[in-house]
Amino acid sequence: MGWYRRAPGQQRELVAVRTAGGNTERADSVKGRFTISRD
């Protein structure tokens, strides 16, 4: 479960995804600023 984004004129890109087991993938551009969590 997670989030992607599409900026004007650009392709959709990964922001952050979290697996059911708790692992996280996150774009370098948002590290340190965005936090993904899951219930």
PDB file of all heavy atoms in Angstrom:
ATOM      1  N   MET A   1       0.864  -1.176   0.000  1.00  0.00           N
ATOM      2  CA  MET A   1       0.000   0.000   0.000  1.00  0.00           C
ATOM      3  C   MET A   1       0.898   1.223   0.000  1.00  0.00           C
ATOM      4  O   MET A   1       1.919   1.250   0.708  1.00  0.00           O
ATOM      5  CB  MET A   1      -0.915   0.037   1.226  1.00  0.00           C
ATOM      6  CG  MET A   1      -1.857  -1.137   1.369  1.00  0.00           C
ATOM      7  SD  MET A   1      -2.975  -0.977   2.795  1.00  0.00           S
ATOM      8  CE  MET A   1      -4.133   0.263   2.176  1.00  0.00           C
ATOM      9  N   GLY A   2       0.520   2.216  -0.779  1.00  0.00           N
ATOM     10  CA  GLY A   2       1.361   3.389  -0.788  1.00  0.00           C
ATOM     11  C   GLY A   2       0.868   4.486  -1.694  1.00  0.00           C
ATOM     12  O   GLY A   2      -0.329   4.554  -1.997  1.00  0.00           O
ATOM     13  N   TRP A   3       1.814   5.313  -2.124  1.00  0.00           N
ATOM     14  CA  TRP A   3       1.491   6.519  -2.872  1.00  0.00           C
ATOM     15  C   TRP A   3       2.448   6.727  -4.042  1.00  0.00           C
ATOM     16  O   TRP A   3       3.658   6.508  -3.899  1.00  0.00           O
ATOM     17  CB  TRP A   3       1.575   7.733  -1.948  1.00  0.00           C
ATOM     18  CG  TRP A   3       0.606   7.669  -0.816  1.00  0.00           C
ATOM     19  CD1 TRP A   3       0.820   7.107   0.411  1.00  0.00           C
ATOM     20  CD2 TRP A   3      -0.736   8.152  -0.810  1.00  0.00           C
ATOM     21  NE1 TRP A   3      -0.313   7.213   1.178  1.00  0.00           N
ATOM     22  CE2 TRP A   3      -1.282   7.848   0.456  1.00  0.00           C
ATOM     23  CE3 TRP A   3      -1.540   8.804  -1.742  1.00  0.00           C
ATOM     24  CZ2 TRP A   3      -2.588   8.185   0.800  1.00  0.00           C
ATOM     25  CZ3 TRP A   3      -2.835   9.134  -1.394  1.00  0.00           C
ATOM     26  CH2 TRP A   3      -3.346   8.833  -0.138  1.00  0.00           C
ATOM     27  N   TYR A   4       1.874   7.142  -5.147  1.00  0.00           N
ATOM     28  CA  TYR A   4       2.613   7.632  -6.290  1.00  0.00           C
ATOM     29  C   TYR A   4       2.148   9.066  -6.542  1.00  0.00           C
ATOM     30  O   TYR A   4       1.138   9.506  -5.994  1.00  0.00           O
ATOM     31  CB  TYR A   4       2.334   6.783  -7.527  1.00  0.00           C
ATOM     32  CG  TYR A   4       3.060   5.460  -7.549  1.00  0.00           C
ATOM     33  CD1 TYR A   4       2.732   4.435  -6.662  1.00  0.00           C
ATOM     34  CD2 TYR A   4       4.078   5.217  -8.471  1.00  0.00           C
ATOM     35  CE1 TYR A   4       3.402   3.219  -6.687  1.00  0.00           C
ATOM     36  CE2 TYR A   4       4.752   4.007  -8.511  1.00  0.00           C
ATOM     37  CZ  TYR A   4       4.404   3.006  -7.614  1.00  0.00           C
ATOM     38  OH  TYR A   4       5.069   1.805  -7.650  1.00  0.00           O
ATOM     39  N   ARG A   5       2.872   9.774  -7.398  1.00  0.00           N
ATOM     40  CA  ARG A   5       2.451  11.121  -7.760  1.00  0.00           C
ATOM     41  C   ARG A   5       2.794  11.417  -9.209  1.00  0.00           C
ATOM     42  O   ARG A   5       3.702  10.825  -9.768  1.00  0.00           O
ATOM     43  CB  ARG A   5       3.082  12.166  -6.841  1.00  0.00           C
ATOM     44  CG  ARG A   5       4.588  12.322  -6.999  1.00  0.00           C
ATOM     45  CD  ARG A   5       5.125  13.295  -5.953  1.00  0.00           C
ATOM     46  NE  ARG A   5       6.572  13.465  -6.086  1.00  0.00           N
ATOM     47  CZ  ARG A   5       7.321  14.128  -5.228  1.00  0.00           C
ATOM     48  NH1 ARG A   5       6.762  14.727  -4.157  1.00  0.00           N
ATOM     49  NH2 ARG A   5       8.616  14.240  -5.433  1.00  0.00           N
ATOM     50  N   ARG A   6       2.024  12.352  -9.771  1.00  0.00           N
ATOM     51  CA  ARG A   6       2.292  12.814 -11.129  1.00  0.00           C
ATOM     52  C   ARG A   6       2.269  14.329 -11.124  1.00  0.00           C
ATOM     53  O   ARG A   6       1.222  14.935 -10.861  1.00  0.00           O
ATOM     54  CB  ARG A   6       1.283  12.273 -12.122  1.00  0.00           C
ATOM     55  CG  ARG A   6       1.496  12.804 -13.543  1.00  0.00           C
ATOM     56  CD  ARG A   6       0.484  12.258 -14.490  1.00  0.00           C
ATOM     57  NE  ARG A   6       0.802  10.866 -14.820  1.00  0.00           N
ATOM     58  CZ  ARG A   6      -0.107   9.981 -15.213  1.00  0.00           C
ATOM     59  NH1 ARG A   6      -1.370  10.323 -15.294  1.00  0.00           N
ATOM     60  NH2 ARG A   6       0.257   8.750 -15.516  1.00  0.00           N
ATOM     61  N   ALA A   7       3.410  14.906 -11.403  1.00  0.00           N
ATOM     62  CA  ALA A   7       3.511  16.360 -11.523  1.00  0.00           C
ATOM     63  C   ALA A   7       3.141  16.772 -12.945  1.00  0.00           C
ATOM     64  O   ALA A   7       3.221  15.950 -13.865  1.00  0.00           O
ATOM     65  CB  ALA A   7       4.926  16.807 -11.187  1.00  0.00           C
ATOM     66  N   PRO A   8       2.753  18.006 -13.150  1.00  0.00           N
ATOM     67  CA  PRO A   8       2.370  18.460 -14.491  1.00  0.00           C
ATOM     68  C   PRO A   8       3.477  18.200 -15.508  1.00  0.00           C
ATOM     69  O   PRO A   8       4.637  18.550 -15.280  1.00  0.00           O
ATOM     70  CB  PRO A   8       2.135  19.961 -14.299  1.00  0.00           C
ATOM     71  CG  PRO A   8       1.773  20.097 -12.860  1.00  0.00           C
ATOM     72  CD  PRO A   8       2.572  19.068 -12.133  1.00  0.00           C
ATOM     73  N   GLY A   9       3.117  17.551 -16.598  1.00  0.00           N
ATOM     74  CA  GLY A   9       4.055  17.280 -17.671  1.00  0.00           C
ATOM     75  C   GLY A   9       5.047  16.174 -17.395  1.00  0.00           C
ATOM     76  O   GLY A   9       5.964  15.949 -18.197  1.00  0.00           O
ATOM     77  N   GLN A  10       4.861  15.444 -16.297  1.00  0.00           N
ATOM     78  CA  GLN A  10       5.806  14.389 -15.955  1.00  0.00           C
ATOM     79  C   GLN A  10       5.082  13.054 -15.807  1.00  0.00           C
ATOM     80  O   GLN A  10       3.869  12.997 -15.721  1.00  0.00           O
ATOM     81  CB  GLN A  10       6.541  14.739 -14.660  1.00  0.00           C
ATOM     82  CG  GLN A  10       7.384  15.997 -14.748  1.00  0.00           C
ATOM     83  CD  GLN A  10       8.208  16.237 -13.513  1.00  0.00           C
ATOM     84  OE1 GLN A  10       8.465  15.320 -12.726  1.00  0.00           O
ATOM     85  NE2 GLN A  10       8.638  17.467 -13.326  1.00  0.00           N
ATOM     86  N   GLN A  11       5.872  11.986 -15.780  1.00  0.00           N
ATOM     87  CA  GLN A  11       5.303  10.661 -15.583  1.00  0.00           C
ATOM     88  C   GLN A  11       5.027  10.420 -14.103  1.00  0.00           C
ATOM     89  O   GLN A  11       5.621  11.049 -13.220  1.00  0.00           O
ATOM     90  CB  GLN A  11       6.272   9.600 -16.108  1.00  0.00           C
ATOM     91  CG  GLN A  11       6.440   9.619 -17.617  1.00  0.00           C
ATOM     92  CD  GLN A  11       7.284   8.465 -18.109  1.00  0.00           C
ATOM     93  OE1 GLN A  11       8.112   7.933 -17.388  1.00  0.00           O
ATOM     94  NE2 GLN A  11       7.054   8.064 -19.351  1.00  0.00           N
ATOM     95  N   ARG A  12       4.121   9.479 -13.872  1.00  0.00           N
ATOM     96  CA  ARG A  12       3.821   9.104 -12.495  1.00  0.00           C
ATOM     97  C   ARG A  12       5.058   8.447 -11.871  1.00  0.00           C
ATOM     98  O   ARG A  12       5.732   7.641 -12.520  1.00  0.00           O
ATOM     99  CB  ARG A  12       2.624   8.172 -12.466  1.00  0.00           C
ATOM    100  CG  ARG A  12       2.112   7.858 -11.075  1.00  0.00           C
ATOM    101  CD  ARG A  12       0.682   7.367 -11.098  1.00  0.00           C
ATOM    102  NE  ARG A  12       0.463   6.263 -11.999  1.00  0.00           N
ATOM    103  CZ  ARG A  12      -0.731   5.789 -12.313  1.00  0.00           C
ATOM    104  NH1 ARG A  12      -1.827   6.354 -11.784  1.00  0.00           N
ATOM    105  NH2 ARG A  12      -0.848   4.781 -13.147  1.00  0.00           N
ATOM    106  N   GLU A  13       5.348   8.781 -10.627  1.00  0.00           N
ATOM    107  CA  GLU A  13       6.529   8.256  -9.960  1.00  0.00           C
ATOM    108  C   GLU A  13       6.181   7.784  -8.544  1.00  0.00           C
ATOM    109  O   GLU A  13       5.246   8.279  -7.915  1.00  0.00           O
ATOM    110  CB  GLU A  13       7.625   9.326  -9.863  1.00  0.00           C
ATOM    111  CG  GLU A  13       7.244  10.527  -9.023  1.00  0.00           C
ATOM    112  CD  GLU A  13       8.382  11.512  -8.835  1.00  0.00           C
ATOM    113  OE1 GLU A  13       9.480  11.285  -9.361  1.00  0.00           O
ATOM    114  OE2 GLU A  13       8.167  12.529  -8.133  1.00  0.00           O
ATOM    115  N   LEU A  14       6.973   6.836  -8.074  1.00  0.00           N
ATOM    116  CA  LEU A  14       6.809   6.333  -6.722  1.00  0.00           C
ATOM    117  C   LEU A  14       7.132   7.432  -5.711  1.00  0.00           C
ATOM    118  O   LEU A  14       8.131   8.146  -5.850  1.00  0.00           O
ATOM    119  CB  LEU A  14       7.746   5.146  -6.492  1.00  0.00           C
ATOM    120  CG  LEU A  14       7.889   4.667  -5.050  1.00  0.00           C
ATOM    121  CD1 LEU A  14       6.639   3.930  -4.608  1.00  0.00           C
ATOM    122  CD2 LEU A  14       9.121   3.797  -4.890  1.00  0.00           C
ATOM    123  N   VAL A  15       6.293   7.553  -4.700  1.00  0.00           N
ATOM    124  CA  VAL A  15       6.601   8.402  -3.552  1.00  0.00           C
ATOM    125  C   VAL A  15       7.047   7.503  -2.395  1.00  0.00           C
ATOM    126  O   VAL A  15       8.171   7.607  -1.913  1.00  0.00           O
ATOM    127  CB  VAL A  15       5.394   9.249  -3.127  1.00  0.00           C
ATOM    128  CG1 VAL A  15       5.742  10.085  -1.901  1.00  0.00           C
ATOM    129  CG2 VAL A  15       4.932  10.140  -4.272  1.00  0.00           C
ATOM    130  N   ALA A  16       6.159   6.627  -1.965  1.00  0.00           N
ATOM    131  CA  ALA A  16       6.494   5.705  -0.880  1.00  0.00           C
ATOM    132  C   ALA A  16       5.486   4.562  -0.879  1.00  0.00           C
ATOM    133  O   ALA A  16       4.302   4.763  -1.151  1.00  0.00           O
ATOM    134  CB  ALA A  16       6.487   6.405   0.474  1.00  0.00           C
ATOM    135  N   VAL A  17       5.985   3.369  -0.566  1.00  0.00           N
ATOM    136  CA  VAL A  17       5.146   2.184  -0.466  1.00  0.00           C
ATOM    137  C   VAL A  17       5.553   1.415   0.766  1.00  0.00           C
ATOM    138  O   VAL A  17       6.750   1.330   1.085  1.00  0.00           O
ATOM    139  CB  VAL A  17       5.283   1.297  -1.721  1.00  0.00           C
ATOM    140  CG1 VAL A  17       4.623  -0.049  -1.508  1.00  0.00           C
ATOM    141  CG2 VAL A  17       4.692   1.975  -2.935  1.00  0.00           C
ATOM    142  N   ARG A  18       4.552   0.838   1.443  1.00  0.00           N
ATOM    143  CA  ARG A  18       4.830   0.033   2.626  1.00  0.00           C
ATOM    144  C   ARG A  18       4.201  -1.335   2.450  1.00  0.00           C
ATOM    145  O   ARG A  18       3.035  -1.453   2.057  1.00  0.00           O
ATOM    146  CB  ARG A  18       4.264   0.714   3.870  1.00  0.00           C
ATOM    147  CG  ARG A  18       4.746   0.103   5.178  1.00  0.00           C
ATOM    148  CD  ARG A  18       4.489   1.063   6.322  1.00  0.00           C
ATOM    149  NE  ARG A  18       4.879   0.526   7.610  1.00  0.00           N
ATOM    150  CZ  ARG A  18       6.091   0.668   8.121  1.00  0.00           C
ATOM    151  NH1 ARG A  18       7.029   1.311   7.472  1.00  0.00           N
ATOM    152  NH2 ARG A  18       6.373   0.149   9.302  1.00  0.00           N
ATOM    153  N   THR A  19       4.994  -2.353   2.757  1.00  0.00           N
ATOM    154  CA  THR A  19       4.490  -3.713   2.626  1.00  0.00           C
ATOM    155  C   THR A  19       3.721  -4.108   3.887  1.00  0.00           C
ATOM    156  O   THR A  19       3.817  -3.450   4.927  1.00  0.00           O
ATOM    157  CB  THR A  19       5.623  -4.713   2.404  1.00  0.00           C
ATOM    158  OG1 THR A  19       6.391  -4.794   3.616  1.00  0.00           O
ATOM    159  CG2 THR A  19       6.524  -4.275   1.267  1.00  0.00           C
ATOM    160  N   ALA A  20       2.994  -5.205   3.792  1.00  0.00           N
ATOM    161  CA  ALA A  20       2.251  -5.699   4.947  1.00  0.00           C
ATOM    162  C   ALA A  20       3.191  -6.089   6.076  1.00  0.00           C
ATOM    163  O   ALA A  20       2.834  -6.024   7.252  1.00  0.00           O
ATOM    164  CB  ALA A  20       1.382  -6.889   4.538  1.00  0.00           C
ATOM    165  N   GLY A  21       4.401  -6.468   5.717  1.00  0.00           N
ATOM    166  CA  GLY A  21       5.390  -6.852   6.718  1.00  0.00           C
ATOM    167  C   GLY A  21       6.130  -5.698   7.340  1.00  0.00           C
ATOM    168  O   GLY A  21       6.923  -5.891   8.276  1.00  0.00           O
ATOM    169  N   GLY A  22       5.888  -4.476   6.819  1.00  0.00           N
ATOM    170  CA  GLY A  22       6.489  -3.298   7.435  1.00  0.00           C
ATOM    171  C   GLY A  22       7.693  -2.719   6.717  1.00  0.00           C
ATOM    172  O   GLY A  22       8.285  -1.746   7.178  1.00  0.00           O
ATOM    173  N   ASN A  23       8.077  -3.311   5.589  1.00  0.00           N
ATOM    174  CA  ASN A  23       9.187  -2.739   4.825  1.00  0.00           C
ATOM    175  C   ASN A  23       8.707  -1.520   4.045  1.00  0.00           C
ATOM    176  O   ASN A  23       7.546  -1.457   3.616  1.00  0.00           O
ATOM    177  CB  ASN A  23       9.761  -3.772   3.868  1.00  0.00           C
ATOM    178  CG  ASN A  23      10.424  -4.914   4.618  1.00  0.00           C
ATOM    179  OD1 ASN A  23      11.085  -4.716   5.627  1.00  0.00           O
ATOM    180  ND2 ASN A  23      10.216  -6.136   4.135  1.00  0.00           N
ATOM    181  N   THR A  24       9.613  -0.571   3.830  1.00  0.00           N
ATOM    182  CA  THR A  24       9.267   0.682   3.158  1.00  0.00           C
ATOM    183  C   THR A  24      10.193   0.953   1.985  1.00  0.00           C
ATOM    184  O   THR A  24      11.402   0.733   2.076  1.00  0.00           O
ATOM    185  CB  THR A  24       9.346   1.853   4.147  1.00  0.00           C
ATOM    186  OG1 THR A  24       8.386   1.659   5.184  1.00  0.00           O
ATOM    187  CG2 THR A  24       9.042   3.174   3.456  1.00  0.00           C
ATOM    188  N   GLU A  25       9.591   1.403   0.903  1.00  0.00           N
ATOM    189  CA  GLU A  25      10.350   1.928  -0.230  1.00  0.00           C
ATOM    190  C   GLU A  25       9.958   3.388  -0.368  1.00  0.00           C
ATOM    191  O   GLU A  25       8.780   3.730  -0.259  1.00  0.00           O
ATOM    192  CB  GLU A  25      10.008   1.181  -1.519  1.00  0.00           C
ATOM    193  CG  GLU A  25      10.337  -0.292  -1.494  1.00  0.00           C
ATOM    194  CD  GLU A  25       9.833  -1.006  -2.736  1.00  0.00           C
ATOM    195  OE1 GLU A  25       9.557  -0.337  -3.740  1.00  0.00           O
ATOM    196  OE2 GLU A  25       9.692  -2.247  -2.699  1.00  0.00           O
ATOM    197  N   ARG A  26      10.927   4.246  -0.623  1.00  0.00           N
ATOM    198  CA  ARG A  26      10.648   5.677  -0.651  1.00  0.00           C
ATOM    199  C   ARG A  26      11.547   6.345  -1.670  1.00  0.00           C
ATOM    200  O   ARG A  26      12.717   5.985  -1.810  1.00  0.00           O
ATOM    201  CB  ARG A  26      10.869   6.252   0.752  1.00  0.00           C
ATOM    202  CG  ARG A  26      10.280   7.587   1.045  1.00  0.00           C
ATOM    203  CD  ARG A  26      10.233   7.828   2.541  1.00  0.00           C
ATOM    204  NE  ARG A  26      11.332   7.205   3.242  1.00  0.00           N
ATOM    205  CZ  ARG A  26      11.355   6.967   4.535  1.00  0.00           C
ATOM    206  NH1 ARG A  26      10.313   7.282   5.274  1.00  0.00           N
ATOM    207  NH2 ARG A  26      12.397   6.402   5.106  1.00  0.00           N
ATOM    208  N   ALA A  27      11.032   7.322  -2.368  1.00  0.00           N
ATOM    209  CA  ALA A  27      11.834   8.076  -3.326  1.00  0.00           C
ATOM    210  C   ALA A  27      12.895   8.879  -2.587  1.00  0.00           C
ATOM    211  O   ALA A  27      12.650   9.403  -1.500  1.00  0.00           O
ATOM    212  CB  ALA A  27      10.937   9.009  -4.127  1.00  0.00           C
ATOM    213  N   ASP A  28      14.064   9.006  -3.201  1.00  0.00           N
ATOM    214  CA  ASP A  28      15.147   9.771  -2.579  1.00  0.00           C
ATOM    215  C   ASP A  28      14.725  11.214  -2.319  1.00  0.00           C
ATOM    216  O   ASP A  28      15.148  11.821  -1.332  1.00  0.00           O
ATOM    217  CB  ASP A  28      16.384   9.741  -3.466  1.00  0.00           C
ATOM    218  CG  ASP A  28      17.070   8.381  -3.479  1.00  0.00           C
ATOM    219  OD1 ASP A  28      16.809   7.572  -2.565  1.00  0.00           O
ATOM    220  OD2 ASP A  28      17.860   8.137  -4.403  1.00  0.00           O
ATOM    221  N   SER A  29      13.899  11.751  -3.197  1.00  0.00           N
ATOM    222  CA  SER A  29      13.525  13.160  -3.090  1.00  0.00           C
ATOM    223  C   SER A  29      12.667  13.465  -1.867  1.00  0.00           C
ATOM    224  O   SER A  29      12.526  14.631  -1.499  1.00  0.00           O
ATOM    225  CB  SER A  29      12.769  13.593  -4.354  1.00  0.00           C
ATOM    226  OG  SER A  29      11.594  12.824  -4.516  1.00  0.00           O
ATOM    227  N   VAL A  30      12.093  12.433  -1.244  1.00  0.00           N
ATOM    228  CA  VAL A  30      11.224  12.688  -0.095  1.00  0.00           C
ATOM    229  C   VAL A  30      11.793  12.157   1.214  1.00  0.00           C
ATOM    230  O   VAL A  30      11.193  12.339   2.273  1.00  0.00           O
ATOM    231  CB  VAL A  30       9.811  12.097  -0.325  1.00  0.00           C
ATOM    232  CG1 VAL A  30       9.221  12.628  -1.625  1.00  0.00           C
ATOM    233  CG2 VAL A  30       9.824  10.573  -0.311  1.00  0.00           C
ATOM    234  N   LYS A  31      12.941  11.509   1.141  1.00  0.00           N
ATOM    235  CA  LYS A  31      13.536  10.962   2.369  1.00  0.00           C
ATOM    236  C   LYS A  31      13.862  12.085   3.348  1.00  0.00           C
ATOM    237  O   LYS A  31      14.376  13.131   2.953  1.00  0.00           O
ATOM    238  CB  LYS A  31      14.795  10.165   2.022  1.00  0.00           C
ATOM    239  CG  LYS A  31      14.484   8.828   1.369  1.00  0.00           C
ATOM    240  CD  LYS A  31      15.761   8.055   1.048  1.00  0.00           C
ATOM    241  CE  LYS A  31      15.420   6.705   0.405  1.00  0.00           C
ATOM    242  NZ  LYS A  31      16.636   5.939   0.015  1.00  0.00           N
ATOM    243  N   GLY A  32      13.521  11.836   4.598  1.00  0.00           N
ATOM    244  CA  GLY A  32      13.736  12.842   5.624  1.00  0.00           C
ATOM    245  C   GLY A  32      12.607  13.837   5.746  1.00  0.00           C
ATOM    246  O   GLY A  32      12.587  14.639   6.695  1.00  0.00           O
ATOM    247  N   ARG A  33      11.658  13.807   4.812  1.00  0.00           N
ATOM    248  CA  ARG A  33      10.543  14.757   4.841  1.00  0.00           C
ATOM    249  C   ARG A  33       9.188  14.050   4.905  1.00  0.00           C
ATOM    250  O   ARG A  33       8.272  14.518   5.568  1.00  0.00           O
ATOM    251  CB  ARG A  33      10.577  15.655   3.606  1.00  0.00           C
ATOM    252  CG  ARG A  33      11.849  16.460   3.463  1.00  0.00           C
ATOM    253  CD  ARG A  33      11.747  17.474   2.326  1.00  0.00           C
ATOM    254  NE  ARG A  33      11.535  16.839   1.038  1.00  0.00           N
ATOM    255  CZ  ARG A  33      10.498  17.094   0.233  1.00  0.00           C
ATOM    256  NH1 ARG A  33       9.564  17.966   0.609  1.00  0.00           N
ATOM    257  NH2 ARG A  33      10.403  16.473  -0.934  1.00  0.00           N
ATOM    258  N   PHE A  34       9.038  12.959   4.180  1.00  0.00           N
ATOM    259  CA  PHE A  34       7.772  12.230   4.109  1.00  0.00           C
ATOM    260  C   PHE A  34       7.886  10.923   4.890  1.00  0.00           C
ATOM    261  O   PHE A  34       8.899  10.234   4.812  1.00  0.00           O
ATOM    262  CB  PHE A  34       7.401  11.880   2.676  1.00  0.00           C
ATOM    263  CG  PHE A  34       7.050  13.041   1.792  1.00  0.00           C
ATOM    264  CD1 PHE A  34       7.252  14.359   2.178  1.00  0.00           C
ATOM    265  CD2 PHE A  34       6.496  12.811   0.537  1.00  0.00           C
ATOM    266  CE1 PHE A  34       6.929  15.421   1.364  1.00  0.00           C
ATOM    267  CE2 PHE A  34       6.152  13.854  -0.301  1.00  0.00           C
ATOM    268  CZ  PHE A  34       6.392  15.169   0.121  1.00  0.00           C
ATOM    269  N   THR A  35       6.810  10.598   5.595  1.00  0.00           N
ATOM    270  CA  THR A  35       6.759   9.358   6.352  1.00  0.00           C
ATOM    271  C   THR A  35       5.501   8.598   5.962  1.00  0.00           C
ATOM    272  O   THR A  35       4.399   9.156   6.000  1.00  0.00           O
ATOM    273  CB  THR A  35       6.749   9.624   7.858  1.00  0.00           C
ATOM    274  OG1 THR A  35       7.914  10.365   8.228  1.00  0.00           O
ATOM    275  CG2 THR A  35       6.717   8.314   8.640  1.00  0.00           C
ATOM    276  N   ILE A  36       5.683   7.337   5.602  1.00  0.00           N
ATOM    277  CA  ILE A  36       4.532   6.489   5.287  1.00  0.00           C
ATOM    278  C   ILE A  36       4.270   5.565   6.463  1.00  0.00           C
ATOM    279  O   ILE A  36       5.198   5.054   7.093  1.00  0.00           O
ATOM    280  CB  ILE A  36       4.755   5.692   3.984  1.00  0.00           C
ATOM    281  CG1 ILE A  36       3.471   4.955   3.578  1.00  0.00           C
ATOM    282  CG2 ILE A  36       5.929   4.740   4.105  1.00  0.00           C
ATOM    283  CD1 ILE A  36       3.530   4.366   2.173  1.00  0.00           C
ATOM    284  N   SER A  37       3.004   5.382   6.765  1.00  0.00           N
ATOM    285  CA  SER A  37       2.619   4.441   7.809  1.00  0.00           C
ATOM    286  C   SER A  37       1.357   3.716   7.369  1.00  0.00           C
ATOM    287  O   SER A  37       0.678   4.139   6.424  1.00  0.00           O
ATOM    288  CB  SER A  37       2.388   5.162   9.145  1.00  0.00           C
ATOM    289  OG  SER A  37       1.366   6.128   9.026  1.00  0.00           O
ATOM    290  N   ARG A  38       1.083   2.647   8.055  1.00  0.00           N
ATOM    291  CA  ARG A  38      -0.002   1.779   7.608  1.00  0.00           C
ATOM    292  C   ARG A  38      -0.687   1.163   8.817  1.00  0.00           C
ATOM    293  O   ARG A  38      -0.019   0.731   9.761  1.00  0.00           O
ATOM    294  CB  ARG A  38       0.592   0.697   6.696  1.00  0.00           C
ATOM    295  CG  ARG A  38      -0.355  -0.333   6.205  1.00  0.00           C
ATOM    296  CD  ARG A  38       0.342  -1.209   5.171  1.00  0.00           C
ATOM    297  NE  ARG A  38      -0.501  -2.341   4.845  1.00  0.00           N
ATOM    298  CZ  ARG A  38      -0.264  -3.195   3.876  1.00  0.00           C
ATOM    299  NH1 ARG A  38       0.805  -3.046   3.105  1.00  0.00           N
ATOM    300  NH2 ARG A  38      -1.077  -4.198   3.660  1.00  0.00           N
ATOM    301  N   ASP A  39      -2.005   1.156   8.793  1.00  0.00           N
ATOM    302  CA  ASP A  39      -2.809   0.497   9.822  1.00  0.00           C
ATOM    303  C   ASP A  39      -3.513  -0.681   9.165  1.00  0.00           C
ATOM    304  O   ASP A  39      -4.524  -0.494   8.480  1.00  0.00           O
ATOM    305  CB  ASP A  39      -3.814   1.486  10.412  1.00  0.00           C
ATOM    306  CG  ASP A  39      -4.589   0.922  11.590  1.00  0.00           C
ATOM    307  OD1 ASP A  39      -4.735  -0.319  11.660  1.00  0.00           O
ATOM    308  OD2 ASP A  39      -5.063   1.707  12.408  1.00  0.00           O
TER     309      ASP A  39
END
